[in-house]
Amino acid sequence: MTDIAKRFPENPLLSPKDLNPSTEGLKIACLLNPGVFRFQGKTWMLVRVAERPEQSEIHVSFPILSEDGETSLMEIELTDPELIATDARVVRYKGIDYLTTLSHLRLVCSDDGIHFYEPTDINTKIFGRGKWQTFGIEDCRVTQMGDTYYLTFTAVSESGVAVGMKTTTDWQTFIDHGLIFPPHNKDCAIFEEQIKSKYYALHRPSSVDLGGNYIWLAESPDGLHWGNHKCIAKTRAGMWDSGRVGAGAAPIKTDKGWLEIYHGATKEHRYCLGALLLDLDDPSKVLARSEDPIMVPTETYETSGFFGHVVFTNGHIVDGDEATIYYGAADEFVCGAKLSIQQIMAGLKYL
């Protein structure tokens, strides 16, 4: 397998100890998968911050939001016969799945793209609110069109995993557009320009009974109402993306097509990165795809953590041929790496 990513020697850029918990009684268990953008001359990340209480030897405990945004704790004895707690990320109790952590989004910024900090003069926290976000909000992608930033994120509740959206122009006031894709759906990335007067977005509906976790394309006349859905990339048996695939950040426009850096995982939950090339005028047409991953979890901070053997990106900054990706490592750390767009393109297999 090839790995063409040039990791920052400063990695990890952020660890749980680098930020303060949002609420007394909680601790930050992991930092994950930031959306990335430029604003007022700085590089910004909208990091997913996952929190939970200190765990004991006899209980599993985790926070839940009420519809009005109040946090409460749920505590279950580990010996309870109705508890299934074999996954670090999810527990099942009395037939209902609960996340072991509660996530919100946290703004951090950097003057050099390497050293990030949480500014003290603005509100940096975005919390879930309403009945579709009682288990938190996660993995935000940020798309800029003109002066407007589109935030698409995973909204989680006992009703399922859906896609919510907010827009902003100043990063302090937000318009909430509710859910733009109902459960089960996630990994939504809106293209950064219209194509033939239409908005386009990648997304990932899921089915546990039929089909699989594939990348789909949707179009919209206004960026709010989405339809004409098409499945454009499926999992591949026996390969590094055999278990599930999902979009990363907004596709990068090149002279040969829209280049999408996506994540793929095996059924054993090993996450790598690869790429798709989509037609410029009709992005439902996949022109080429990575045979081998372009990034593989190899560093200790990628193989060992809250959930190891994971590299996962949904944010990047593009300067000419250089794409700087910011990624979640082992579901615990935020890291950075640089990729050559030409090198990614050269490794694609045309279909």
Protein backbone atom coordinates (compact mmCIF):
# COMPACT_ATOMS: atom_id res chain seq x y z
CA MET A 1 0.00 0.00 0.00
CA THR A 2 1.17 3.52 -0.80
CA ASP A 3 1.07 6.47 1.60
CA ILE A 4 1.90 9.81 0.02
CA ALA A 5 0.91 12.04 2.96
CA LYS A 6 3.63 14.21 4.46
CA ARG A 7 2.66 14.40 8.10
CA PHE A 8 3.43 17.45 10.20
CA PRO A 9 6.39 16.75 12.50
CA GLU A 10 4.43 18.64 15.18
CA ASN A 11 1.64 15.99 15.22
CA PRO A 12 -0.57 15.63 17.10
CA LEU A 13 -1.54 19.28 16.73
CA LEU A 14 -4.26 18.98 19.38
CA SER A 15 -4.86 16.40 22.12
CA PRO A 16 -7.70 16.21 24.67
CA LYS A 17 -5.48 17.85 27.30
CA ASP A 18 -5.11 20.99 25.14
CA LEU A 19 -8.73 22.15 25.57
CA ASN A 20 -10.95 22.62 28.59
CA PRO A 21 -14.19 20.66 29.08
CA SER A 22 -17.38 22.54 28.32
CA THR A 23 -19.15 21.52 31.54
CA GLU A 24 -18.08 20.81 35.10
CA GLY A 25 -18.08 17.07 35.78
CA LEU A 26 -17.15 16.11 32.24
CA LYS A 27 -13.74 15.43 30.75
CA ILE A 28 -12.66 15.53 27.11
CA ALA A 29 -12.19 11.95 25.93
CA CYS A 30 -11.25 12.73 22.35
CA LEU A 31 -10.89 15.38 19.66
CA LEU A 32 -11.99 14.37 16.20
CA ASN A 33 -12.38 15.23 12.54
CA PRO A 34 -12.36 19.04 12.19
CA GLY A 35 -14.00 21.12 9.52
CA VAL A 36 -11.46 23.64 8.20
CA PHE A 37 -11.72 27.13 6.70
CA ARG A 38 -9.96 30.46 6.36
CA PHE A 39 -11.40 33.56 7.99
CA GLN A 40 -9.90 36.99 8.70
CA GLY A 41 -6.41 35.89 7.68
CA LYS A 42 -6.27 32.85 9.95
CA THR A 43 -6.70 29.10 9.54
CA TRP A 44 -9.63 27.84 11.60
CA MET A 45 -10.78 24.40 12.63
CA LEU A 46 -14.21 23.44 13.89
CA VAL A 47 -13.18 20.47 16.00
CA ARG A 48 -15.52 17.78 17.29
CA VAL A 49 -15.02 17.63 21.07
CA ALA A 50 -16.31 14.41 22.64
CA GLU A 51 -16.87 14.46 26.40
CA ARG A 52 -17.96 12.06 29.12
CA PRO A 53 -17.72 11.70 32.91
CA GLU A 54 -14.91 9.87 34.64
CA GLN A 55 -15.64 6.15 34.35
CA SER A 56 -15.78 3.79 37.33
CA GLU A 57 -15.10 0.08 37.61
CA ILE A 58 -18.74 -0.73 38.25
CA HIS A 59 -20.67 1.70 36.02
CA VAL A 60 -20.66 3.01 32.48
CA SER A 61 -21.85 6.62 32.43
CA PHE A 62 -22.43 9.08 29.60
CA PRO A 63 -24.08 12.48 29.05
CA ILE A 64 -27.29 13.16 27.12
CA LEU A 65 -28.80 16.50 26.07
CA SER A 66 -32.41 17.43 26.62
CA GLU A 67 -34.25 19.11 23.75
CA ASP A 68 -33.57 22.54 25.27
CA GLY A 69 -29.83 21.86 25.57
CA GLU A 70 -29.55 20.84 29.24
CA THR A 71 -27.05 18.06 30.02
CA SER A 72 -27.89 15.06 32.19
CA LEU A 73 -25.92 11.92 33.00
CA MET A 74 -27.02 8.34 32.46
CA GLU A 75 -25.35 5.67 34.61
CA ILE A 76 -25.71 1.90 34.12
CA GLU A 77 -24.16 -0.89 36.13
CA LEU A 78 -21.73 -2.94 34.06
CA THR A 79 -23.36 -6.12 35.40
CA ASP A 80 -26.80 -5.14 34.11
CA PRO A 81 -27.87 -8.00 31.78
CA GLU A 82 -29.57 -5.55 29.40
CA LEU A 83 -26.31 -3.65 28.80
CA ILE A 84 -24.10 -4.40 25.79
CA ALA A 85 -20.85 -2.43 26.11
CA THR A 86 -18.34 -4.13 23.79
CA ASP A 87 -17.65 -1.03 21.64
CA ALA A 88 -15.77 2.00 23.05
CA ARG A 89 -18.02 4.31 21.03
CA VAL A 90 -21.53 2.91 21.51
CA VAL A 91 -23.45 1.03 24.21
CA ARG A 92 -26.79 -0.68 23.80
CA TYR A 93 -29.21 -0.68 26.71
CA LYS A 94 -32.76 -2.04 26.68
CA GLY A 95 -32.67 -2.16 22.91
CA ILE A 96 -31.56 1.46 22.43
CA ASP A 97 -28.12 2.57 21.25
CA TYR A 98 -26.37 5.36 23.16
CA LEU A 99 -23.08 7.10 22.41
CA THR A 100 -20.48 6.78 25.16
CA THR A 101 -19.53 10.42 24.63
CA LEU A 102 -21.44 13.62 23.90
CA SER A 103 -19.96 15.79 21.15
CA HIS A 104 -20.10 19.48 20.44
CA LEU A 105 -18.16 21.65 17.98
CA ARG A 106 -15.33 23.94 19.12
CA LEU A 107 -13.65 26.74 17.16
CA VAL A 108 -9.85 27.01 17.28
CA CYS A 109 -7.60 29.17 15.11
CA SER A 110 -3.98 29.45 14.01
CA ASP A 111 -1.72 32.08 12.51
CA ASP A 112 0.60 29.51 10.90
CA GLY A 113 -1.66 26.50 10.29
CA ILE A 114 0.24 24.45 12.86
CA HIS A 115 -0.21 25.93 16.33
CA PHE A 116 -3.90 26.18 17.19
CA TYR A 117 -5.56 27.88 20.14
CA GLU A 118 -9.06 28.68 21.33
CA PRO A 119 -9.65 32.44 21.17
CA THR A 120 -11.03 34.05 24.32
CA ASP A 121 -12.83 37.04 22.81
CA ILE A 122 -15.60 35.13 20.97
CA ASN A 123 -18.02 32.29 21.64
CA THR A 124 -16.18 29.19 20.43
CA LYS A 125 -18.69 26.44 21.28
CA ILE A 126 -21.58 25.15 19.17
CA PHE A 127 -23.85 22.68 20.98
CA GLY A 128 -26.59 20.41 19.83
CA ARG A 129 -30.13 21.62 20.44
CA GLY A 130 -33.55 20.14 19.77
CA LYS A 131 -34.86 16.58 19.71
CA TRP A 132 -32.76 15.51 16.71
CA GLN A 133 -29.47 16.43 18.46
CA THR A 134 -29.87 15.01 21.98
CA PHE A 135 -26.87 12.71 21.49
CA GLY A 136 -24.75 15.60 20.16
CA ILE A 137 -23.42 17.01 16.89
CA GLU A 138 -20.35 15.69 15.11
CA ASP A 139 -17.92 15.85 12.18
CA CYS A 140 -18.70 19.21 10.60
CA ARG A 141 -17.76 20.02 7.02
CA VAL A 142 -17.37 23.71 6.15
CA THR A 143 -18.03 25.03 2.64
CA GLN A 144 -17.54 28.66 1.66
CA MET A 145 -19.47 30.24 -1.22
CA GLY A 146 -19.05 33.98 -1.44
CA ASP A 147 -19.28 35.43 2.07
CA THR A 148 -21.46 32.57 3.34
CA TYR A 149 -20.13 29.51 5.15
CA TYR A 150 -22.24 26.33 5.07
CA LEU A 151 -21.82 24.03 8.06
CA THR A 152 -23.05 20.48 7.48
CA PHE A 153 -22.76 18.18 10.47
CA THR A 154 -23.96 14.89 11.87
CA ALA A 155 -26.95 15.29 14.20
CA VAL A 156 -27.44 12.32 16.54
CA SER A 157 -30.42 11.29 18.65
CA GLU A 158 -32.23 8.12 19.65
CA SER A 159 -34.16 8.56 16.38
CA GLY A 160 -30.99 8.06 14.36
CA VAL A 161 -28.08 9.79 12.64
CA ALA A 162 -28.99 12.67 10.32
CA VAL A 163 -27.45 15.72 8.62
CA GLY A 164 -28.04 19.18 10.02
CA MET A 165 -26.99 22.49 8.50
CA LYS A 166 -26.23 26.01 9.70
CA THR A 167 -24.98 29.03 7.74
CA THR A 168 -23.00 32.04 8.89
CA THR A 169 -21.11 35.01 7.53
CA ASP A 170 -19.38 36.14 10.73
CA TRP A 171 -18.96 32.93 12.82
CA GLN A 172 -20.89 34.46 15.72
CA THR A 173 -24.45 34.52 14.37
CA PHE A 174 -25.87 31.42 12.71
CA ILE A 175 -29.00 30.53 10.78
CA ASP A 176 -30.20 27.04 11.67
CA HIS A 177 -31.73 25.20 8.71
CA GLY A 178 -32.68 22.06 10.61
CA LEU A 179 -32.12 18.64 9.06
CA ILE A 180 -31.36 18.61 5.35
CA PHE A 181 -31.05 14.78 5.18
CA PRO A 182 -33.04 12.52 7.57
CA PRO A 183 -31.69 9.37 9.23
CA HIS A 184 -29.72 7.38 8.47
CA ASN A 185 -27.27 9.77 6.83
CA LYS A 186 -23.93 11.50 7.46
CA ASP A 187 -20.67 12.59 5.76
CA CYS A 188 -22.30 15.48 3.89
CA ALA A 189 -20.01 17.84 1.96
CA ILE A 190 -21.39 20.65 -0.23
CA PHE A 191 -19.45 21.63 -3.35
CA GLU A 192 -17.88 25.11 -3.16
CA GLU A 193 -19.48 26.39 -6.34
CA GLN A 194 -22.63 25.79 -8.31
CA ILE A 195 -22.64 23.67 -11.46
CA LYS A 196 -25.09 24.83 -14.13
CA SER A 197 -26.92 26.89 -11.50
CA LYS A 198 -27.36 23.93 -9.15
CA TYR A 199 -25.86 23.17 -5.76
CA TYR A 200 -24.34 19.72 -5.28
CA ALA A 201 -23.55 17.72 -2.16
CA LEU A 202 -22.02 14.37 -1.34
CA HIS A 203 -23.69 12.38 1.43
CA ARG A 204 -23.79 8.87 2.88
CA PRO A 205 -27.15 7.20 3.54
CA SER A 206 -26.85 3.90 5.40
CA SER A 207 -28.75 0.66 5.55
CA VAL A 208 -28.15 -2.23 7.91
CA ASP A 209 -30.40 -4.59 5.97
CA LEU A 210 -29.95 -3.89 2.26
CA GLY A 211 -27.31 -2.05 0.29
CA GLY A 212 -24.37 -0.58 2.17
CA ASN A 213 -22.52 2.50 3.33
CA TYR A 214 -21.89 4.20 -0.01
CA ILE A 215 -21.21 7.74 -1.28
CA TRP A 216 -24.21 9.43 -2.91
CA LEU A 217 -24.64 12.72 -4.77
CA ALA A 218 -27.59 15.10 -4.39
CA GLU A 219 -28.50 18.33 -6.14
CA SER A 220 -30.46 21.39 -5.06
CA PRO A 221 -31.85 24.59 -6.58
CA ASP A 222 -31.21 26.62 -3.42
CA GLY A 223 -28.76 24.76 -1.15
CA LEU A 224 -31.59 23.80 1.23
CA HIS A 225 -33.87 21.34 -0.56
CA TRP A 226 -32.11 18.28 -1.98
CA GLY A 227 -33.13 15.66 -4.52
CA ASN A 228 -32.18 13.64 -7.63
CA HIS A 229 -30.00 11.39 -5.46
CA LYS A 230 -27.49 9.11 -7.18
CA CYS A 231 -25.13 6.51 -5.74
CA ILE A 232 -21.66 7.23 -7.15
CA ALA A 233 -19.17 5.13 -5.15
CA LYS A 234 -19.62 1.78 -3.41
CA THR A 235 -17.43 -0.35 -1.20
CA ARG A 236 -15.05 -2.79 -2.92
CA ALA A 237 -14.76 -6.39 -1.70
CA GLY A 238 -11.32 -7.44 -0.52
CA MET A 239 -9.92 -3.90 -0.63
CA TRP A 240 -9.04 -1.23 1.92
CA ASP A 241 -12.52 0.33 1.51
CA SER A 242 -14.54 -2.90 1.68
CA GLY A 243 -16.57 -2.02 4.80
CA ARG A 244 -17.77 1.55 4.22
CA VAL A 245 -16.91 4.70 2.30
CA GLY A 246 -17.79 8.33 2.96
CA ALA A 247 -16.96 11.80 1.72
CA GLY A 248 -14.32 13.99 3.28
CA ALA A 249 -14.45 17.75 2.73
CA ALA A 250 -15.84 19.60 -0.29
CA PRO A 251 -14.30 18.34 -3.56
CA ILE A 252 -11.31 20.22 -4.95
CA LYS A 253 -11.81 21.69 -8.43
CA THR A 254 -9.05 20.77 -10.90
CA ASP A 255 -8.79 21.09 -14.67
CA LYS A 256 -9.45 17.34 -14.97
CA GLY A 257 -12.43 17.13 -12.63
CA TRP A 258 -13.61 17.42 -9.04
CA LEU A 259 -11.12 15.64 -6.78
CA GLU A 260 -12.72 14.19 -3.65
CA ILE A 261 -10.57 12.87 -0.81
CA TYR A 262 -12.71 10.25 0.92
CA HIS A 263 -12.39 7.77 3.76
CA GLY A 264 -12.75 4.04 3.41
CA ALA A 265 -12.77 1.37 6.09
CA THR A 266 -12.62 -2.38 6.27
CA LYS A 267 -15.18 -4.43 8.18
CA GLU A 268 -12.55 -4.51 10.95
CA HIS A 269 -12.82 -0.68 11.20
CA ARG A 270 -9.41 0.27 9.80
CA TYR A 271 -9.83 3.70 8.23
CA CYS A 272 -7.68 4.96 5.34
CA LEU A 273 -7.97 7.81 2.82
CA GLY A 274 -8.36 7.58 -0.95
CA ALA A 275 -9.63 9.74 -3.80
CA LEU A 276 -12.32 9.96 -6.47
CA LEU A 277 -12.28 12.12 -9.61
CA LEU A 278 -15.70 13.39 -10.71
CA ASP A 279 -16.70 14.97 -14.00
CA LEU A 280 -16.63 18.79 -13.93
CA ASP A 281 -20.00 19.23 -15.64
CA ASP A 282 -21.73 16.13 -14.29
CA PRO A 283 -20.29 15.11 -10.91
CA SER A 284 -22.45 11.98 -10.85
CA LYS A 285 -19.90 10.53 -13.31
CA VAL A 286 -16.89 9.00 -11.56
CA LEU A 287 -13.91 9.24 -13.90
CA ALA A 288 -11.22 7.66 -11.73
CA ARG A 289 -10.59 6.21 -8.27
CA SER A 290 -7.71 5.22 -6.01
CA GLU A 291 -6.73 1.58 -6.20
CA ASP A 292 -4.50 1.94 -3.15
CA PRO A 293 -5.08 4.37 -0.28
CA ILE A 294 -3.21 7.66 -0.29
CA MET A 295 -2.94 7.65 3.51
CA VAL A 296 -2.82 4.72 5.93
CA PRO A 297 -2.78 4.73 9.76
CA THR A 298 0.87 4.02 10.56
CA GLU A 299 2.04 6.49 13.21
CA THR A 300 1.53 5.63 16.88
CA TYR A 301 -0.95 8.49 17.29
CA GLU A 302 -2.98 6.97 14.42
CA THR A 303 -2.88 3.33 15.53
CA SER A 304 -3.32 3.83 19.29
CA GLY A 305 -5.98 5.99 20.91
CA PHE A 306 -9.65 6.02 21.82
CA PHE A 307 -10.36 3.91 18.70
CA GLY A 308 -7.16 2.94 16.93
CA HIS A 309 -6.13 2.46 13.30
CA VAL A 310 -8.02 5.50 12.05
CA VAL A 311 -7.16 8.43 9.79
CA PHE A 312 -10.27 10.46 8.94
CA THR A 313 -10.48 13.86 7.28
CA ASN A 314 -13.30 16.25 6.54
CA GLY A 315 -11.29 19.47 6.27
CA HIS A 316 -8.51 20.89 4.12
CA ILE A 317 -6.89 24.08 2.83
CA VAL A 318 -5.76 24.19 -0.81
CA ASP A 319 -2.86 26.33 -2.07
CA GLY A 320 -2.01 25.58 -5.69
CA ASP A 321 -0.87 21.96 -5.90
CA GLU A 322 -0.72 21.57 -2.13
CA ALA A 323 -3.65 20.31 -0.10
CA THR A 324 -3.15 20.59 3.65
CA ILE A 325 -5.49 18.14 5.31
CA TYR A 326 -6.40 18.26 8.96
CA TYR A 327 -7.52 14.90 10.20
CA GLY A 328 -8.67 12.89 13.17
CA ALA A 329 -6.23 10.21 14.30
CA ALA A 330 -7.29 7.15 16.33
CA ASP A 331 -10.53 8.99 17.25
CA GLU A 332 -8.54 11.00 19.80
CA PHE A 333 -6.10 13.48 18.24
CA VAL A 334 -6.17 16.21 15.58
CA CYS A 335 -3.26 16.11 13.15
CA GLY A 336 -2.09 17.68 9.90
CA ALA A 337 -0.50 16.47 6.68
CA LYS A 338 0.26 17.78 3.21
CA LEU A 339 -0.62 16.09 -0.07
CA SER A 340 0.31 16.93 -3.66
CA ILE A 341 -2.82 17.13 -5.80
CA GLN A 342 -0.82 16.10 -8.90
CA GLN A 343 0.56 13.10 -7.03
CA ILE A 344 -2.94 12.03 -5.98
CA MET A 345 -4.16 12.40 -9.57
CA ALA A 346 -1.22 10.43 -10.93
CA GLY A 347 -2.15 7.47 -8.73
CA LEU A 348 -5.79 7.29 -9.82
CA LYS A 349 -7.08 4.46 -11.99
CA TYR A 350 -9.40 5.68 -14.72
CA LEU A 351 -12.62 3.72 -15.06
